Amino acid sequence: MATGFLEGLIDALILGYTAAQYINYLAIGGTALVIVDYLHTFPDEVRLMWPGKLNAPKVLFFALRYYTFVHVAFASLSLRTGASPEACKIASDRTGISTAVIISASELILFVRVYAFTGRTRPMLIFLSVLFVIIIVATGVLLHNFLRSVQYTTLPIPNLPCIPFTINGTLSGSVFATLLAEGIVVMAIMIYSAFRKHRGARSGLLTLFYRDGVVYFICLSLLASANIVVSFTAPRGYQFLLIQPEAVIHSILSTRMLLHLRAWSKGDSEHSMGGVIRMVPMGLTPYDPSFEPAPSTIRFEERTLDITSKATSST
C-alpha cells in the first residue's frame, strides 16, 4: 500500500516537473519574442509615435507596449525554484491578473479599430461597448474562480519549481472559449462591414484594416483553440502551457497594428500588388502612378464672391 502511494507520488512529481519545464521554456521564449519585437519596431516607434500630441490610441500603445515588459518580469518570477506554497500562489495570481490586463488592453485596441472600420456610428459604439463590458466581466469572473482553484503544497523534494497541487482546467478553458467567441463576433462584424459598406472601395487603408484584422483573428483564434484543447484534455499542470505565448502575441499584434495605421497616416508606406503594405524609411517611398487614394468624406462649401457689388460700394 505504501509502495503504491510512493510510486504514485513520484509519478505525479515527474509529470508536474515536466509540465513546469515546458511552461518555463515557453515563458522564456515569450520574453525573448517581446524583446526581439521591441528592438525590431523601436525605430518605427520613435519616428511614428513619439512626435505629436498624445491621444487615446497613443496612450493605449505606450501603456500596452511597456507594460508588457512588466508582465514578462512577473512571469519570470514564477520560474524560480524552491519557493514556498504561499510564494508560488502569489506569483501565480500576480501573473494571472497581469495576463488579464494584457489581453484586455489588446482587445480594447481591437474594438477601437473595429469601431473605426465600421464608420464610427453611434449604434456600433454602443454595441461594441456593451460587448466589451460583457467579455471583461465574464472572463474576469471565470479567471477569478480559476485562480482560486490553483493551489500549491509543500513538496517532498527541495528546489523544485512551482507545481500546482490542484487546478480546474474547465475554468481555464472557459476563459479562452469566451475570448474565441468574442473574436468570432468581432471578425463577423468586420466581414459584414467590408461587404456592406466598403464593397468595391479601392482603398489601401481599408485593405490595411482588413488585412491586419484577419491576421490578428487567425493567430489568436488558433492560440485560443489550442488553449481550450490543452485546458480540457491535458494532464494537470499543463493548463498554463500556452497562456503566456498567447498574452505576449496579443500585445505584439495589437501594438503592430497601431504602428501600421500610424505609418499609413504619415504616408510612410509602400503600395504594391494586392494592397500589401511594407513599411519603408520615411522619404524613400517611391512614386506609384497607379495608386488611387480613398475617396474622402469631407465636403467643402462652395461660395462665390460678388466683386462688382463690392467695387460699386467702394466707389
Protein backbone atom coordinates (compact mmCIF):
# COMPACT_ATOMS: atom_id res chain seq x y z
CA MET A 1 0.00 0.00 0.00
CA ALA A 2 2.75 2.42 0.99
CA THR A 3 4.79 1.39 -2.03
CA GLY A 4 1.91 2.12 -4.40
CA PHE A 5 1.31 5.53 -2.81
CA LEU A 6 5.01 6.38 -3.08
CA GLU A 7 5.11 5.33 -6.74
CA GLY A 8 2.03 7.43 -7.48
CA LEU A 9 3.58 10.42 -5.73
CA ILE A 10 6.80 10.06 -7.70
CA ASP A 11 4.89 9.77 -10.98
CA ALA A 12 2.86 12.89 -10.12
CA LEU A 13 6.04 14.81 -9.27
CA ILE A 14 7.70 13.75 -12.52
CA LEU A 15 4.61 14.77 -14.51
CA GLY A 16 4.37 18.11 -12.71
CA TYR A 17 8.08 18.80 -13.07
CA THR A 18 7.96 18.02 -16.80
CA ALA A 19 4.96 20.33 -17.27
CA ALA A 20 6.71 23.10 -15.32
CA GLN A 21 9.78 22.74 -17.53
CA TYR A 22 7.77 23.12 -20.74
CA ILE A 23 5.84 26.06 -19.30
CA ASN A 24 9.07 27.77 -18.28
CA TYR A 25 10.62 27.19 -21.71
CA LEU A 26 7.64 28.80 -23.45
CA ALA A 27 7.59 31.67 -20.95
CA ILE A 28 11.27 32.37 -21.66
CA GLY A 29 10.55 32.13 -25.38
CA GLY A 30 7.74 34.66 -24.97
CA THR A 31 10.11 37.04 -23.19
CA ALA A 32 12.64 36.68 -26.00
CA LEU A 33 9.89 37.35 -28.56
CA VAL A 34 8.89 40.56 -26.77
CA ILE A 35 12.49 41.79 -26.73
CA VAL A 36 13.08 40.95 -30.40
CA ASP A 37 9.82 42.65 -31.44
CA TYR A 38 10.70 45.73 -29.40
CA LEU A 39 14.15 46.06 -30.96
CA HIS A 40 12.69 45.50 -34.43
CA THR A 41 9.92 48.09 -34.10
CA PHE A 42 11.63 50.66 -31.85
CA PRO A 43 12.84 52.83 -34.80
CA ASP A 44 9.27 52.93 -36.11
CA GLU A 45 8.01 53.81 -32.64
CA VAL A 46 10.42 56.74 -32.36
CA ARG A 47 9.61 58.00 -35.84
CA LEU A 48 5.86 57.43 -35.84
CA MET A 49 4.62 57.56 -32.24
CA TRP A 50 6.91 59.92 -30.37
CA PRO A 51 6.21 63.13 -32.35
CA GLY A 52 2.96 65.00 -31.88
CA LYS A 53 0.45 65.21 -29.07
CA LEU A 54 -0.83 62.31 -27.02
CA ASN A 55 -4.21 60.90 -27.94
CA ALA A 56 -6.19 57.81 -26.94
CA PRO A 57 -4.53 55.40 -29.43
CA LYS A 58 -1.07 56.63 -28.40
CA VAL A 59 -1.85 56.18 -24.72
CA LEU A 60 -3.08 52.64 -25.40
CA PHE A 61 0.01 51.93 -27.49
CA PHE A 62 2.56 53.10 -24.91
CA ALA A 63 0.68 51.61 -21.95
CA LEU A 64 0.40 48.17 -23.56
CA ARG A 65 3.85 48.15 -25.14
CA TYR A 66 5.75 49.00 -21.98
CA TYR A 67 3.52 47.18 -19.52
CA THR A 68 4.32 44.02 -21.47
CA PHE A 69 7.85 44.22 -20.04
CA VAL A 70 6.38 44.40 -16.54
CA HIS A 71 4.25 41.38 -17.37
CA VAL A 72 7.14 39.22 -18.59
CA ALA A 73 9.02 40.22 -15.43
CA PHE A 74 6.09 38.91 -13.36
CA ALA A 75 6.07 35.73 -15.43
CA SER A 76 9.81 35.31 -14.92
CA LEU A 77 9.35 35.45 -11.13
CA SER A 78 7.23 32.31 -11.43
CA LEU A 79 10.21 30.40 -12.85
CA ARG A 80 12.18 30.30 -9.62
CA THR A 81 12.71 27.04 -7.75
CA GLY A 82 12.44 26.20 -4.08
CA ALA A 83 9.64 28.68 -3.39
CA SER A 84 7.12 28.08 -0.62
CA PRO A 85 3.50 27.21 -1.48
CA GLU A 86 2.47 30.73 -0.43
CA ALA A 87 5.10 32.33 -2.69
CA CYS A 88 4.05 30.10 -5.59
CA LYS A 89 0.40 31.09 -5.08
CA ILE A 90 1.25 34.81 -5.01
CA ALA A 91 3.35 34.51 -8.18
CA SER A 92 0.60 32.53 -9.94
CA ASP A 93 -2.15 35.02 -9.03
CA ARG A 94 0.02 38.00 -9.97
CA THR A 95 0.87 36.52 -13.37
CA GLY A 96 -2.77 35.57 -13.99
CA ILE A 97 -4.06 39.07 -13.23
CA SER A 98 -1.28 40.62 -15.33
CA THR A 99 -2.21 38.32 -18.22
CA ALA A 100 -5.80 39.54 -17.97
CA VAL A 101 -4.60 43.15 -18.12
CA ILE A 102 -2.51 42.45 -21.24
CA ILE A 103 -5.33 40.68 -23.07
CA SER A 104 -7.95 43.27 -22.04
CA ALA A 105 -5.82 46.16 -23.31
CA SER A 106 -5.18 44.30 -26.57
CA GLU A 107 -8.88 43.62 -27.01
CA LEU A 108 -9.67 47.28 -26.36
CA ILE A 109 -7.34 48.26 -29.22
CA LEU A 110 -9.08 45.73 -31.45
CA PHE A 111 -12.51 47.13 -30.56
CA VAL A 112 -11.36 50.68 -31.33
CA ARG A 113 -10.16 49.51 -34.75
CA VAL A 114 -13.44 47.76 -35.48
CA TYR A 115 -15.34 50.90 -34.45
CA ALA A 116 -13.27 52.96 -36.90
CA PHE A 117 -13.61 50.34 -39.66
CA THR A 118 -17.41 50.27 -39.38
CA GLY A 119 -17.77 54.03 -39.76
CA ARG A 120 -17.82 55.29 -36.16
CA THR A 121 -21.59 55.11 -35.86
CA ARG A 122 -23.30 55.57 -32.51
CA PRO A 123 -25.18 52.21 -32.61
CA MET A 124 -21.92 50.38 -33.27
CA LEU A 125 -20.21 52.28 -30.44
CA ILE A 126 -22.96 51.22 -28.04
CA PHE A 127 -22.89 47.61 -29.24
CA LEU A 128 -19.10 47.29 -29.02
CA SER A 129 -19.03 48.97 -25.60
CA VAL A 130 -21.67 46.59 -24.22
CA LEU A 131 -19.91 43.59 -25.79
CA PHE A 132 -16.56 44.66 -24.34
CA VAL A 133 -18.02 45.04 -20.85
CA ILE A 134 -19.72 41.64 -21.08
CA ILE A 135 -16.49 39.97 -22.18
CA ILE A 136 -14.44 41.65 -19.45
CA VAL A 137 -16.94 40.74 -16.72
CA ALA A 138 -17.38 37.15 -17.93
CA THR A 139 -13.68 36.44 -18.32
CA GLY A 140 -12.94 38.25 -15.04
CA VAL A 141 -15.34 36.02 -13.10
CA LEU A 142 -14.03 32.87 -14.77
CA LEU A 143 -10.41 33.90 -14.22
CA HIS A 144 -11.07 34.70 -10.55
CA ASN A 145 -12.57 31.26 -9.97
CA PHE A 146 -9.76 29.61 -11.93
CA LEU A 147 -7.06 31.32 -9.88
CA ARG A 148 -8.85 30.27 -6.69
CA SER A 149 -8.73 26.67 -7.88
CA VAL A 150 -4.94 26.77 -8.31
CA GLN A 151 -3.37 25.58 -5.07
CA TYR A 152 0.18 24.60 -4.13
CA THR A 153 1.53 22.36 -1.40
CA THR A 154 4.87 21.60 0.20
CA LEU A 155 6.80 19.16 -1.98
CA PRO A 156 8.88 16.33 -0.52
CA ILE A 157 11.83 17.20 -2.76
CA PRO A 158 13.54 20.60 -2.35
CA ASN A 159 14.40 23.11 -5.08
CA LEU A 160 11.58 22.10 -7.41
CA PRO A 161 9.69 24.69 -9.48
CA CYS A 162 6.15 25.70 -8.55
CA ILE A 163 3.92 22.70 -9.31
CA PRO A 164 0.15 23.17 -8.77
CA PHE A 165 -1.43 20.57 -6.50
CA THR A 166 -4.99 21.31 -7.63
CA ILE A 167 -6.21 23.17 -10.72
CA ASN A 168 -9.56 23.46 -12.54
CA GLY A 169 -8.85 23.17 -16.26
CA THR A 170 -12.53 23.61 -17.14
CA LEU A 171 -12.49 27.20 -15.89
CA SER A 172 -9.29 27.94 -17.80
CA GLY A 173 -10.78 26.52 -20.98
CA SER A 174 -13.95 28.56 -20.45
CA VAL A 175 -11.91 31.78 -20.33
CA PHE A 176 -10.36 31.08 -23.72
CA ALA A 177 -13.66 29.83 -25.16
CA THR A 178 -15.16 33.21 -24.24
CA LEU A 179 -12.28 35.04 -25.93
CA LEU A 180 -12.65 32.85 -29.02
CA ALA A 181 -16.39 33.56 -29.23
CA GLU A 182 -15.70 37.29 -28.89
CA GLY A 183 -13.11 37.11 -31.69
CA ILE A 184 -15.60 35.36 -33.97
CA VAL A 185 -18.24 38.04 -33.32
CA VAL A 186 -15.79 40.88 -33.97
CA MET A 187 -14.50 39.26 -37.15
CA ALA A 188 -18.07 38.72 -38.36
CA ILE A 189 -18.73 42.44 -37.84
CA MET A 190 -15.67 43.33 -39.91
CA ILE A 191 -16.64 40.96 -42.72
CA TYR A 192 -20.21 42.28 -42.75
CA SER A 193 -18.98 45.87 -42.82
CA ALA A 194 -16.49 45.08 -45.59
CA PHE A 195 -19.19 43.67 -47.86
CA ARG A 196 -22.00 46.03 -46.87
CA LYS A 197 -20.23 49.40 -46.66
CA HIS A 198 -16.86 49.04 -48.37
CA ARG A 199 -17.64 46.74 -51.29
CA GLY A 200 -15.81 47.93 -54.39
CA ALA A 201 -13.79 50.52 -52.49
CA ARG A 202 -10.18 50.70 -53.68
CA SER A 203 -8.57 52.00 -50.55
CA GLY A 204 -5.23 50.87 -49.22
CA LEU A 205 -6.32 51.98 -45.76
CA LEU A 206 -9.30 49.63 -45.83
CA THR A 207 -7.01 46.88 -47.06
CA LEU A 208 -4.70 47.58 -44.14
CA PHE A 209 -7.58 47.47 -41.66
CA TYR A 210 -8.94 44.26 -43.10
CA ARG A 211 -5.58 42.52 -43.55
CA ASP A 212 -4.36 43.23 -40.03
CA GLY A 213 -7.73 42.24 -38.61
CA VAL A 214 -7.68 38.90 -40.43
CA VAL A 215 -4.11 38.16 -39.33
CA TYR A 216 -4.99 39.09 -35.74
CA PHE A 217 -8.09 36.90 -35.80
CA ILE A 218 -6.36 33.86 -37.31
CA CYS A 219 -3.35 33.94 -34.96
CA LEU A 220 -5.31 34.47 -31.78
CA SER A 221 -8.10 32.07 -32.75
CA LEU A 222 -5.52 29.33 -33.24
CA LEU A 223 -3.90 30.12 -29.89
CA ALA A 224 -7.26 30.30 -28.09
CA SER A 225 -8.33 26.99 -29.64
CA ALA A 226 -5.05 25.39 -28.59
CA ASN A 227 -5.51 26.72 -25.05
CA ILE A 228 -9.05 25.31 -24.96
CA VAL A 229 -7.82 21.86 -26.03
CA VAL A 230 -4.96 21.92 -23.53
CA SER A 231 -7.21 23.12 -20.70
CA PHE A 232 -9.83 20.41 -21.19
CA THR A 233 -7.67 17.44 -22.20
CA ALA A 234 -4.09 17.89 -20.96
CA PRO A 235 -2.87 16.41 -17.65
CA ARG A 236 -2.87 18.58 -14.55
CA GLY A 237 -0.22 21.29 -14.66
CA TYR A 238 -0.23 21.75 -18.43
CA GLN A 239 -3.11 24.25 -18.28
CA PHE A 240 -0.55 27.08 -18.09
CA LEU A 241 1.36 25.84 -21.13
CA LEU A 242 0.19 28.31 -23.80
CA ILE A 243 -1.17 31.16 -21.69
CA GLN A 244 1.97 33.31 -21.76
CA PRO A 245 2.59 32.86 -25.52
CA GLU A 246 -0.99 34.00 -26.18
CA ALA A 247 -0.62 37.02 -23.89
CA VAL A 248 2.60 38.32 -25.49
CA ILE A 249 1.34 37.66 -29.03
CA HIS A 250 -1.83 39.61 -28.17
CA SER A 251 0.34 42.55 -27.16
CA ILE A 252 2.71 42.34 -30.13
CA LEU A 253 -0.04 42.13 -32.76
CA SER A 254 -2.07 44.95 -31.19
CA THR A 255 0.84 47.39 -30.99
CA ARG A 256 1.98 46.50 -34.51
CA MET A 257 -1.50 47.22 -35.85
CA LEU A 258 -1.31 50.72 -34.35
CA LEU A 259 2.15 51.23 -35.86
CA HIS A 260 0.79 50.21 -39.27
CA LEU A 261 -2.04 52.72 -39.01
CA ARG A 262 0.31 55.46 -37.87
CA ALA A 263 2.63 54.71 -40.78
CA TRP A 264 -0.27 54.97 -43.19
CA SER A 265 -1.45 58.27 -41.75
CA LYS A 266 2.02 59.72 -42.32
CA GLY A 267 2.18 58.36 -45.87
CA ASP A 268 5.09 56.18 -44.75
CA SER A 269 4.23 53.07 -46.72
CA GLU A 270 4.88 51.34 -49.97
CA HIS A 271 1.90 50.22 -52.06
CA SER A 272 2.26 47.05 -54.02
CA MET A 273 0.14 44.39 -55.72
CA GLY A 274 -2.91 43.27 -53.79
CA GLY A 275 -2.78 46.11 -51.30
CA VAL A 276 0.01 44.50 -49.31
CA ILE A 277 1.95 47.15 -47.42
CA ARG A 278 5.62 47.09 -46.45
CA MET A 279 6.88 49.90 -44.27
CA VAL A 280 9.97 51.67 -45.57
CA PRO A 281 12.04 54.56 -44.18
CA MET A 282 10.47 58.00 -44.36
CA GLY A 283 11.27 59.83 -47.57
CA LEU A 284 12.18 56.69 -49.52
CA THR A 285 8.68 55.82 -50.65
CA PRO A 286 8.66 55.60 -54.47
CA TYR A 287 6.02 57.36 -56.52
CA ASP A 288 3.37 54.97 -57.77
CA PRO A 289 1.17 56.47 -60.54
CA SER A 290 -1.33 53.61 -60.23
CA PHE A 291 -2.13 54.42 -56.60
CA GLU A 292 -5.62 55.80 -56.07
CA PRO A 293 -6.37 57.38 -52.69
CA ALA A 294 -9.56 56.54 -50.87
CA PRO A 295 -12.49 58.89 -51.55
CA SER A 296 -12.75 61.47 -48.80
CA THR A 297 -15.95 62.06 -46.89
CA ILE A 298 -15.03 65.73 -46.39
CA ARG A 299 -17.13 68.15 -48.44
CA PHE A 300 -16.35 71.87 -48.80
CA GLU A 301 -18.99 74.53 -49.14
CA GLU A 302 -18.87 76.42 -52.44
CA ARG A 303 -19.03 80.22 -52.12
CA THR A 304 -18.95 82.98 -54.72
CA LEU A 305 -17.56 86.47 -54.32
CA ASP A 306 -19.52 89.36 -55.83
CA ILE A 307 -16.65 91.59 -56.94
CA THR A 308 -18.89 94.02 -58.90
CA SER A 309 -21.07 94.93 -55.97
CA LYS A 310 -18.05 95.43 -53.73
CA ALA A 311 -16.35 97.64 -56.32
CA THR A 312 -19.53 99.76 -56.72
CA SER A 313 -19.95 100.21 -52.99
CA SER A 314 -16.33 101.24 -52.59
CA THR A 315 -16.66 103.98 -55.24
